[in-house]
Amino acid sequence: MEKLPFEQKKQGDKVVRTFSESVDDTELKWHVDNEDRLVTPLHKTDWMIQMDNELPERLMENEGFVIPKGVYHRIIKGNGDLKVSIKFI
């Protein structure tokens, strides 16, 4: 089984994922998810999200965005750790 590039903890109906600043960029691959997700960064960061056929966008603290099921996307590493809340919808 492939090691995931984050640590995850369940909190109620959500999970909190932490991506370490030391994660290798090559581990942050383009991928699709099997369900829709509402992702909310929990702090100020310069990490970015890139959706298929779109330019990267900076993740904004407490501003949630939806990642639709089956849409390719990736996280682009910034400085410091990244912590996000994910609600499966």
C-alpha atoms as a PDB file:
ATOM      1  CA  MET A   1       0.000   0.000   0.000  1.00  0.00           C
ATOM      2  CA  GLU A   2       1.330   3.414  -0.994  1.00  0.00           C
ATOM      3  CA  LYS A   3       2.138   5.828   1.842  1.00  0.00           C
ATOM      4  CA  LEU A   4      -0.064   8.925   1.767  1.00  0.00           C
ATOM      5  CA  PRO A   5       1.626  12.366   1.851  1.00  0.00           C
ATOM      6  CA  PHE A   6      -0.358  13.531   4.917  1.00  0.00           C
ATOM      7  CA  GLU A   7      -1.419  12.605   8.434  1.00  0.00           C
ATOM      8  CA  GLN A   8      -5.151  12.432   9.111  1.00  0.00           C
ATOM      9  CA  LYS A   9      -7.360  12.619  12.221  1.00  0.00           C
ATOM     10  CA  LYS A  10     -11.140  12.224  12.351  1.00  0.00           C
ATOM     11  CA  GLN A  11     -13.044  15.057  14.078  1.00  0.00           C
ATOM     12  CA  GLY A  12     -16.794  14.482  14.124  1.00  0.00           C
ATOM     13  CA  ASP A  13     -18.120  14.398  10.557  1.00  0.00           C
ATOM     14  CA  LYS A  14     -14.840  15.775   9.168  1.00  0.00           C
ATOM     15  CA  VAL A  15     -11.201  14.794   8.916  1.00  0.00           C
ATOM     16  CA  VAL A  16      -8.252  17.091   9.491  1.00  0.00           C
ATOM     17  CA  ARG A  17      -5.277  16.465   7.230  1.00  0.00           C
ATOM     18  CA  THR A  18      -1.813  17.827   7.857  1.00  0.00           C
ATOM     19  CA  PHE A  19       0.694  17.984   5.026  1.00  0.00           C
ATOM     20  CA  SER A  20       4.224  18.397   6.391  1.00  0.00           C
ATOM     21  CA  GLU A  21       6.559  21.068   5.088  1.00  0.00           C
ATOM     22  CA  SER A  22       9.074  18.239   4.593  1.00  0.00           C
ATOM     23  CA  VAL A  23       6.836  16.274   2.178  1.00  0.00           C
ATOM     24  CA  ASP A  24       8.587  15.663  -1.141  1.00  0.00           C
ATOM     25  CA  ASP A  25       6.959  17.565  -4.024  1.00  0.00           C
ATOM     26  CA  THR A  26       6.843  14.331  -6.034  1.00  0.00           C
ATOM     27  CA  GLU A  27       4.420  12.845  -3.470  1.00  0.00           C
ATOM     28  CA  LEU A  28       1.833  15.562  -4.242  1.00  0.00           C
ATOM     29  CA  LYS A  29       0.532  13.920  -7.407  1.00  0.00           C
ATOM     30  CA  TRP A  30      -2.396  14.667  -9.682  1.00  0.00           C
ATOM     31  CA  HIS A  31      -5.282  12.461  -8.537  1.00  0.00           C
ATOM     32  CA  VAL A  32      -9.067  12.097  -8.413  1.00  0.00           C
ATOM     33  CA  ASP A  33     -11.310  11.382  -5.433  1.00  0.00           C
ATOM     34  CA  ASN A  34     -14.287   9.025  -5.283  1.00  0.00           C
ATOM     35  CA  GLU A  35     -16.568  11.524  -3.532  1.00  0.00           C
ATOM     36  CA  ASP A  36     -17.245  15.266  -3.472  1.00  0.00           C
ATOM     37  CA  ARG A  37     -15.329  17.116  -0.754  1.00  0.00           C
ATOM     38  CA  LEU A  38     -15.534  20.482   0.951  1.00  0.00           C
ATOM     39  CA  VAL A  39     -11.963  21.444   1.838  1.00  0.00           C
ATOM     40  CA  THR A  40     -11.202  24.336   4.205  1.00  0.00           C
ATOM     41  CA  PRO A  41      -7.670  25.525   5.053  1.00  0.00           C
ATOM     42  CA  LEU A  42      -7.407  26.050   8.818  1.00  0.00           C
ATOM     43  CA  HIS A  43      -4.670  28.715   8.791  1.00  0.00           C
ATOM     44  CA  LYS A  44      -2.940  31.296   6.600  1.00  0.00           C
ATOM     45  CA  THR A  45      -0.709  29.573   4.052  1.00  0.00           C
ATOM     46  CA  ASP A  46       0.987  29.961   0.691  1.00  0.00           C
ATOM     47  CA  TRP A  47       0.199  26.381  -0.391  1.00  0.00           C
ATOM     48  CA  MET A  48      -1.924  26.161  -3.545  1.00  0.00           C
ATOM     49  CA  ILE A  49      -4.540  23.920  -5.170  1.00  0.00           C
ATOM     50  CA  GLN A  50      -4.672  23.259  -8.897  1.00  0.00           C
ATOM     51  CA  MET A  51      -7.745  21.788 -10.541  1.00  0.00           C
ATOM     52  CA  ASP A  52      -7.630  20.093 -13.960  1.00  0.00           C
ATOM     53  CA  ASN A  53      -7.259  22.629 -16.813  1.00  0.00           C
ATOM     54  CA  GLU A  54      -7.047  25.564 -14.373  1.00  0.00           C
ATOM     55  CA  LEU A  55      -4.269  27.740 -12.997  1.00  0.00           C
ATOM     56  CA  PRO A  56      -3.133  27.136  -9.407  1.00  0.00           C
ATOM     57  CA  GLU A  57      -4.982  29.109  -6.717  1.00  0.00           C
ATOM     58  CA  ARG A  58      -3.703  30.049  -3.294  1.00  0.00           C
ATOM     59  CA  LEU A  59      -5.474  28.370  -0.384  1.00  0.00           C
ATOM     60  CA  MET A  60      -7.175  30.990   1.786  1.00  0.00           C
ATOM     61  CA  GLU A  61      -7.691  30.564   5.528  1.00  0.00           C
ATOM     62  CA  ASN A  62     -11.268  29.519   6.416  1.00  0.00           C
ATOM     63  CA  GLU A  63     -12.415  29.760   2.763  1.00  0.00           C
ATOM     64  CA  GLY A  64     -13.832  26.397   1.792  1.00  0.00           C
ATOM     65  CA  PHE A  65     -13.882  25.092  -1.757  1.00  0.00           C
ATOM     66  CA  VAL A  66     -15.441  22.013  -3.315  1.00  0.00           C
ATOM     67  CA  ILE A  67     -13.418  19.329  -5.053  1.00  0.00           C
ATOM     68  CA  PRO A  68     -15.938  17.419  -7.196  1.00  0.00           C
ATOM     69  CA  LYS A  69     -15.762  13.645  -7.473  1.00  0.00           C
ATOM     70  CA  GLY A  70     -13.723  12.500 -10.473  1.00  0.00           C
ATOM     71  CA  VAL A  71     -11.972  15.848 -11.126  1.00  0.00           C
ATOM     72  CA  TYR A  72      -8.167  15.728 -11.327  1.00  0.00           C
ATOM     73  CA  HIS A  73      -6.422  18.032  -8.867  1.00  0.00           C
ATOM     74  CA  ARG A  74      -3.219  18.439  -6.884  1.00  0.00           C
ATOM     75  CA  ILE A  75      -1.781  20.379  -3.964  1.00  0.00           C
ATOM     76  CA  ILE A  76       1.284  22.553  -4.600  1.00  0.00           C
ATOM     77  CA  LYS A  77       3.635  22.818  -1.654  1.00  0.00           C
ATOM     78  CA  GLY A  78       4.314  26.110   0.066  1.00  0.00           C
ATOM     79  CA  ASN A  79       6.156  27.073   3.242  1.00  0.00           C
ATOM     80  CA  GLY A  80       5.359  25.503   6.599  1.00  0.00           C
ATOM     81  CA  ASP A  81       2.851  22.729   7.206  1.00  0.00           C
ATOM     82  CA  LEU A  82      -0.618  22.762   5.652  1.00  0.00           C
ATOM     83  CA  LYS A  83      -3.648  21.818   7.764  1.00  0.00           C
ATOM     84  CA  VAL A  84      -7.070  21.453   6.142  1.00  0.00           C
ATOM     85  CA  SER A  85     -10.493  20.289   7.253  1.00  0.00           C
ATOM     86  CA  ILE A  86     -12.301  17.959   4.834  1.00  0.00           C
ATOM     87  CA  LYS A  87     -16.010  17.224   4.845  1.00  0.00           C
ATOM     88  CA  PHE A  88     -17.200  14.466   2.529  1.00  0.00           C
ATOM     89  CA  ILE A  89     -20.404  15.617   0.788  1.00  0.00           C
END
